[in-house]
């Protein structure tokens, strides 16, 4: 994470900085929840015949993914991404580990000087 005094982030407007921070946080949260869903809750449900974790993690991930979509849309609107770019970033929240990669790539592109 870059420091507030970093010249690369100081070139961004406060609105873009805020949207980027919100996007970064929700990208990590959605990424972790998706990993818990795929590697913990689903095996417990289908291999262990115990759907309780899936009943909690599934809807929670679904809700957080909607928040992720809103964060991605807000950032896309502020930095004027094309629709295909927004769709790719939005889809990154549906594939395990991809939201982490997308977050790093977006952050690097927006903060490089």
N, C-alpha and C. Protein backbone atom coordinates (compact mmCIF):
# COMPACT_ATOMS: atom_id res chain seq x y z
N UNK A 1 0.85 -1.16 0.00
CA UNK A 1 0.00 0.00 0.00
C UNK A 1 0.90 1.23 0.00
N UNK A 2 0.49 2.24 -0.74
CA UNK A 2 1.29 3.45 -0.82
C UNK A 2 0.96 4.38 0.32
N UNK A 3 1.93 5.22 0.68
CA UNK A 3 1.71 6.15 1.77
C UNK A 3 1.00 7.40 1.25
N UNK A 4 0.34 8.15 2.13
CA UNK A 4 -0.36 9.36 1.69
C UNK A 4 0.56 10.39 1.07
N UNK A 5 1.83 10.39 1.43
CA UNK A 5 2.77 11.37 0.89
C UNK A 5 3.38 10.91 -0.43
N UNK A 6 3.03 9.74 -0.89
CA UNK A 6 3.57 9.20 -2.13
C UNK A 6 3.14 10.08 -3.30
N UNK A 7 4.09 10.55 -4.14
CA UNK A 7 3.72 11.43 -5.25
C UNK A 7 2.80 10.75 -6.25
N UNK A 8 2.85 9.42 -6.36
CA UNK A 8 1.98 8.73 -7.33
C UNK A 8 0.52 8.85 -6.93
N UNK A 9 0.22 8.76 -5.64
CA UNK A 9 -1.17 8.88 -5.21
C UNK A 9 -1.61 10.32 -5.08
N UNK A 10 -0.67 11.24 -4.87
CA UNK A 10 -1.06 12.65 -4.74
C UNK A 10 -1.55 13.22 -6.07
N UNK A 11 -1.23 12.57 -7.19
CA UNK A 11 -1.71 13.02 -8.49
C UNK A 11 -3.19 12.69 -8.68
N UNK A 12 -3.72 11.78 -7.90
CA UNK A 12 -5.12 11.42 -8.00
C UNK A 12 -5.97 12.42 -7.23
N UNK A 13 -7.18 12.65 -7.75
CA UNK A 13 -8.09 13.53 -7.02
C UNK A 13 -8.56 12.83 -5.75
N UNK A 14 -9.00 13.60 -4.76
CA UNK A 14 -9.49 12.97 -3.53
C UNK A 14 -10.65 12.00 -3.78
N UNK A 15 -11.50 12.31 -4.75
CA UNK A 15 -12.63 11.42 -5.06
C UNK A 15 -12.14 10.09 -5.62
N UNK A 16 -11.13 10.12 -6.47
CA UNK A 16 -10.58 8.88 -7.04
C UNK A 16 -9.84 8.11 -5.96
N UNK A 17 -9.08 8.82 -5.10
CA UNK A 17 -8.39 8.14 -4.00
C UNK A 17 -9.37 7.39 -3.11
N UNK A 18 -10.47 8.04 -2.77
CA UNK A 18 -11.48 7.42 -1.93
C UNK A 18 -12.11 6.20 -2.60
N UNK A 19 -12.44 6.35 -3.88
CA UNK A 19 -13.05 5.24 -4.61
C UNK A 19 -12.06 4.08 -4.74
N UNK A 20 -10.79 4.40 -4.96
CA UNK A 20 -9.77 3.35 -5.07
C UNK A 20 -9.60 2.62 -3.74
N UNK A 21 -9.58 3.35 -2.65
CA UNK A 21 -9.45 2.73 -1.33
C UNK A 21 -10.64 1.82 -1.05
N UNK A 22 -11.85 2.30 -1.32
CA UNK A 22 -13.04 1.47 -1.11
C UNK A 22 -12.99 0.22 -1.98
N UNK A 23 -12.57 0.37 -3.24
CA UNK A 23 -12.48 -0.78 -4.14
C UNK A 23 -11.45 -1.78 -3.63
N UNK A 24 -10.30 -1.30 -3.18
CA UNK A 24 -9.25 -2.20 -2.69
C UNK A 24 -9.73 -3.00 -1.49
N UNK A 25 -10.40 -2.35 -0.56
CA UNK A 25 -10.88 -3.05 0.64
C UNK A 25 -11.90 -4.11 0.26
N UNK A 26 -12.88 -3.75 -0.53
CA UNK A 26 -13.93 -4.72 -0.86
C UNK A 26 -13.39 -5.82 -1.77
N UNK A 27 -12.39 -5.54 -2.60
CA UNK A 27 -11.79 -6.59 -3.43
C UNK A 27 -11.13 -7.65 -2.55
N UNK A 28 -10.44 -7.22 -1.51
CA UNK A 28 -9.82 -8.18 -0.60
C UNK A 28 -10.87 -8.97 0.17
N UNK A 29 -11.89 -8.28 0.66
CA UNK A 29 -12.93 -8.96 1.44
C UNK A 29 -13.65 -9.99 0.58
N UNK A 30 -14.03 -9.60 -0.64
CA UNK A 30 -14.71 -10.54 -1.54
C UNK A 30 -13.79 -11.69 -1.92
N UNK A 31 -12.52 -11.40 -2.14
CA UNK A 31 -11.57 -12.46 -2.48
C UNK A 31 -11.44 -13.49 -1.36
N UNK A 32 -11.34 -13.01 -0.13
CA UNK A 32 -11.22 -13.92 1.01
C UNK A 32 -12.52 -14.71 1.19
N UNK A 33 -13.65 -14.04 1.08
CA UNK A 33 -14.93 -14.75 1.23
C UNK A 33 -15.12 -15.80 0.14
N UNK A 34 -14.69 -15.51 -1.07
CA UNK A 34 -14.81 -16.49 -2.15
C UNK A 34 -13.92 -17.70 -1.89
N UNK A 35 -12.73 -17.46 -1.36
CA UNK A 35 -11.85 -18.58 -1.01
C UNK A 35 -12.46 -19.43 0.10
N UNK A 36 -13.06 -18.79 1.09
CA UNK A 36 -13.72 -19.54 2.17
C UNK A 36 -14.89 -20.33 1.61
N UNK A 37 -15.63 -19.72 0.71
CA UNK A 37 -16.77 -20.40 0.10
C UNK A 37 -16.33 -21.62 -0.69
N UNK A 38 -15.33 -21.46 -1.54
CA UNK A 38 -14.91 -22.54 -2.45
C UNK A 38 -14.11 -23.62 -1.73
N UNK A 39 -13.23 -23.22 -0.81
CA UNK A 39 -12.33 -24.20 -0.22
C UNK A 39 -12.72 -24.69 1.18
N UNK A 40 -13.75 -24.07 1.78
CA UNK A 40 -14.20 -24.53 3.09
C UNK A 40 -15.68 -24.93 3.05
N UNK A 41 -16.53 -23.97 2.71
CA UNK A 41 -17.98 -24.20 2.80
C UNK A 41 -18.46 -25.25 1.80
N UNK A 42 -18.02 -25.15 0.56
CA UNK A 42 -18.49 -26.11 -0.44
C UNK A 42 -18.00 -27.53 -0.15
N UNK A 43 -16.73 -27.74 0.20
CA UNK A 43 -16.33 -29.11 0.56
C UNK A 43 -17.09 -29.65 1.78
N UNK A 44 -17.35 -28.78 2.76
CA UNK A 44 -18.12 -29.23 3.91
C UNK A 44 -19.52 -29.67 3.50
N UNK A 45 -20.10 -28.93 2.56
CA UNK A 45 -21.46 -29.26 2.12
C UNK A 45 -21.48 -30.54 1.30
N UNK A 46 -20.61 -30.62 0.30
CA UNK A 46 -20.70 -31.72 -0.66
C UNK A 46 -19.90 -32.97 -0.26
N UNK A 47 -18.82 -32.79 0.48
CA UNK A 47 -18.05 -33.95 0.91
C UNK A 47 -18.37 -34.37 2.35
N UNK A 48 -18.72 -33.39 3.18
CA UNK A 48 -18.99 -33.70 4.57
C UNK A 48 -20.47 -33.73 4.91
N UNK A 49 -21.32 -33.46 3.93
CA UNK A 49 -22.77 -33.48 4.13
C UNK A 49 -23.19 -32.57 5.28
N UNK A 50 -22.55 -31.38 5.34
CA UNK A 50 -22.84 -30.41 6.38
C UNK A 50 -23.04 -29.03 5.72
N UNK A 51 -24.28 -28.66 5.43
CA UNK A 51 -24.52 -27.42 4.69
C UNK A 51 -24.51 -26.15 5.55
N UNK A 52 -24.24 -26.24 6.83
CA UNK A 52 -24.36 -25.07 7.70
C UNK A 52 -23.40 -23.94 7.30
N UNK A 53 -22.16 -24.26 6.98
CA UNK A 53 -21.20 -23.21 6.58
C UNK A 53 -21.64 -22.57 5.26
N UNK A 54 -22.12 -23.39 4.35
CA UNK A 54 -22.57 -22.89 3.05
C UNK A 54 -23.78 -21.96 3.22
N UNK A 55 -24.64 -22.29 4.18
CA UNK A 55 -25.83 -21.47 4.42
C UNK A 55 -25.49 -20.08 4.95
N UNK A 56 -24.32 -19.94 5.54
CA UNK A 56 -23.88 -18.63 6.05
C UNK A 56 -22.97 -17.93 5.03
N UNK A 57 -21.97 -18.64 4.56
CA UNK A 57 -20.95 -18.03 3.70
C UNK A 57 -21.51 -17.70 2.31
N UNK A 58 -22.36 -18.55 1.77
CA UNK A 58 -22.92 -18.32 0.44
C UNK A 58 -23.66 -16.99 0.32
N UNK A 59 -24.68 -16.77 1.14
CA UNK A 59 -25.40 -15.49 1.07
C UNK A 59 -24.52 -14.29 1.43
N UNK A 60 -23.60 -14.48 2.38
CA UNK A 60 -22.71 -13.38 2.76
C UNK A 60 -21.82 -12.99 1.58
N UNK A 61 -21.26 -13.99 0.89
CA UNK A 61 -20.45 -13.68 -0.28
C UNK A 61 -21.29 -13.00 -1.36
N UNK A 62 -22.51 -13.48 -1.55
CA UNK A 62 -23.39 -12.86 -2.54
C UNK A 62 -23.64 -11.39 -2.25
N UNK A 63 -23.92 -11.07 -1.00
CA UNK A 63 -24.14 -9.68 -0.61
C UNK A 63 -22.87 -8.85 -0.82
N UNK A 64 -21.74 -9.39 -0.37
CA UNK A 64 -20.48 -8.66 -0.51
C UNK A 64 -20.07 -8.49 -1.97
N UNK A 65 -20.43 -9.45 -2.81
CA UNK A 65 -20.13 -9.32 -4.23
C UNK A 65 -20.91 -8.15 -4.84
N UNK A 66 -22.13 -7.95 -4.40
CA UNK A 66 -22.91 -6.80 -4.88
C UNK A 66 -22.22 -5.50 -4.44
N UNK A 67 -21.71 -5.47 -3.22
CA UNK A 67 -20.97 -4.29 -2.74
C UNK A 67 -19.70 -4.11 -3.60
N UNK A 68 -19.03 -5.21 -3.94
CA UNK A 68 -17.86 -5.17 -4.82
C UNK A 68 -18.23 -4.56 -6.17
N UNK A 69 -19.36 -4.99 -6.73
CA UNK A 69 -19.81 -4.45 -8.01
C UNK A 69 -20.04 -2.94 -7.92
N UNK A 70 -20.66 -2.50 -6.83
CA UNK A 70 -20.88 -1.07 -6.65
C UNK A 70 -19.56 -0.31 -6.52
N UNK A 71 -18.62 -0.89 -5.80
CA UNK A 71 -17.30 -0.25 -5.66
C UNK A 71 -16.56 -0.18 -6.98
N UNK A 72 -16.63 -1.24 -7.76
CA UNK A 72 -15.98 -1.26 -9.07
C UNK A 72 -16.64 -0.25 -10.01
N UNK A 73 -17.97 -0.20 -9.96
CA UNK A 73 -18.68 0.76 -10.81
C UNK A 73 -18.35 2.19 -10.42
N UNK A 74 -18.29 2.47 -9.12
CA UNK A 74 -17.94 3.82 -8.66
C UNK A 74 -16.55 4.21 -9.14
N UNK A 75 -15.59 3.31 -8.99
CA UNK A 75 -14.23 3.61 -9.45
C UNK A 75 -14.19 3.78 -10.96
N UNK A 76 -14.88 2.90 -11.68
CA UNK A 76 -14.90 2.97 -13.15
C UNK A 76 -15.49 4.30 -13.62
N UNK A 77 -16.52 4.76 -12.96
CA UNK A 77 -17.15 6.02 -13.33
C UNK A 77 -16.20 7.19 -13.10
N UNK A 78 -15.46 7.13 -12.00
CA UNK A 78 -14.56 8.25 -11.67
C UNK A 78 -13.32 8.29 -12.56
N UNK A 79 -12.83 7.14 -13.00
CA UNK A 79 -11.62 7.12 -13.84
C UNK A 79 -11.95 6.89 -15.31
N UNK A 80 -13.24 6.80 -15.62
CA UNK A 80 -13.74 6.68 -16.99
C UNK A 80 -13.23 5.43 -17.72
N UNK A 81 -13.44 4.28 -17.09
CA UNK A 81 -13.11 3.02 -17.75
C UNK A 81 -14.13 2.72 -18.82
N UNK A 82 -13.70 1.96 -19.80
CA UNK A 82 -14.63 1.48 -20.82
C UNK A 82 -15.50 0.38 -20.22
N UNK A 83 -16.63 0.09 -20.87
CA UNK A 83 -17.52 -0.96 -20.38
C UNK A 83 -16.83 -2.33 -20.35
N UNK A 84 -16.06 -2.72 -21.39
CA UNK A 84 -15.37 -4.02 -21.30
C UNK A 84 -14.40 -4.09 -20.12
N UNK A 85 -13.74 -3.01 -19.81
CA UNK A 85 -12.81 -2.99 -18.67
C UNK A 85 -13.58 -3.18 -17.36
N UNK A 86 -14.69 -2.48 -17.23
CA UNK A 86 -15.51 -2.62 -16.03
C UNK A 86 -16.02 -4.05 -15.89
N UNK A 87 -16.45 -4.66 -16.98
CA UNK A 87 -16.96 -6.03 -16.93
C UNK A 87 -15.86 -6.99 -16.49
N UNK A 88 -14.65 -6.83 -17.00
CA UNK A 88 -13.54 -7.70 -16.60
C UNK A 88 -13.22 -7.56 -15.11
N UNK A 89 -13.19 -6.34 -14.62
CA UNK A 89 -12.92 -6.12 -13.20
C UNK A 89 -14.07 -6.69 -12.37
N UNK A 90 -15.29 -6.53 -12.83
CA UNK A 90 -16.45 -7.07 -12.09
C UNK A 90 -16.40 -8.59 -12.04
N UNK A 91 -16.03 -9.22 -13.12
CA UNK A 91 -15.96 -10.68 -13.16
C UNK A 91 -14.82 -11.23 -12.30
N UNK A 92 -13.84 -10.40 -11.99
CA UNK A 92 -12.72 -10.84 -11.16
C UNK A 92 -13.18 -11.28 -9.78
N UNK A 93 -14.32 -10.81 -9.33
CA UNK A 93 -14.84 -11.21 -8.03
C UNK A 93 -15.51 -12.56 -8.02
N UNK A 94 -15.55 -13.23 -9.16
CA UNK A 94 -16.23 -14.53 -9.25
C UNK A 94 -15.27 -15.70 -9.40
N UNK A 95 -13.99 -15.43 -9.56
CA UNK A 95 -13.00 -16.49 -9.76
C UNK A 95 -11.99 -16.42 -8.62
N UNK A 96 -11.80 -17.54 -7.90
CA UNK A 96 -10.88 -17.51 -6.77
C UNK A 96 -9.50 -16.95 -7.14
N UNK A 97 -8.98 -16.10 -6.30
CA UNK A 97 -7.67 -15.44 -6.40
C UNK A 97 -7.64 -14.30 -7.42
N UNK A 98 -8.59 -14.23 -8.35
CA UNK A 98 -8.53 -13.21 -9.39
C UNK A 98 -8.82 -11.81 -8.86
N UNK A 99 -9.61 -11.68 -7.83
CA UNK A 99 -9.88 -10.34 -7.30
C UNK A 99 -8.61 -9.72 -6.71
N UNK A 100 -7.73 -10.55 -6.15
CA UNK A 100 -6.46 -10.04 -5.63
C UNK A 100 -5.58 -9.51 -6.76
N UNK A 101 -5.53 -10.26 -7.85
CA UNK A 101 -4.74 -9.84 -9.02
C UNK A 101 -5.32 -8.56 -9.63
N UNK A 102 -6.63 -8.52 -9.79
CA UNK A 102 -7.27 -7.34 -10.38
C UNK A 102 -7.04 -6.11 -9.52
N UNK A 103 -7.13 -6.28 -8.21
CA UNK A 103 -6.91 -5.15 -7.30
C UNK A 103 -5.49 -4.61 -7.44
N UNK A 104 -4.51 -5.50 -7.49
CA UNK A 104 -3.12 -5.05 -7.63
C UNK A 104 -2.90 -4.35 -8.96
N UNK A 105 -3.46 -4.92 -10.02
CA UNK A 105 -3.29 -4.34 -11.36
C UNK A 105 -3.95 -2.95 -11.44
N UNK A 106 -5.17 -2.83 -10.94
CA UNK A 106 -5.87 -1.55 -10.95
C UNK A 106 -5.11 -0.53 -10.13
N UNK A 107 -4.69 -0.89 -8.93
CA UNK A 107 -3.96 0.03 -8.07
C UNK A 107 -2.67 0.48 -8.72
N UNK A 108 -1.93 -0.46 -9.32
CA UNK A 108 -0.67 -0.11 -9.98
C UNK A 108 -0.92 0.86 -11.13
N UNK A 109 -1.93 0.59 -11.94
CA UNK A 109 -2.20 1.46 -13.09
C UNK A 109 -2.62 2.86 -12.67
N UNK A 110 -3.39 2.95 -11.61
CA UNK A 110 -3.88 4.28 -11.20
C UNK A 110 -2.86 5.07 -10.40
N UNK A 111 -1.91 4.41 -9.77
CA UNK A 111 -0.96 5.14 -8.92
C UNK A 111 0.41 5.31 -9.54
N UNK A 112 0.67 4.72 -10.68
CA UNK A 112 2.00 4.92 -11.27
C UNK A 112 2.09 6.36 -11.78
N UNK A 113 3.29 6.90 -11.68
CA UNK A 113 3.45 8.31 -12.06
C UNK A 113 3.89 8.50 -13.48
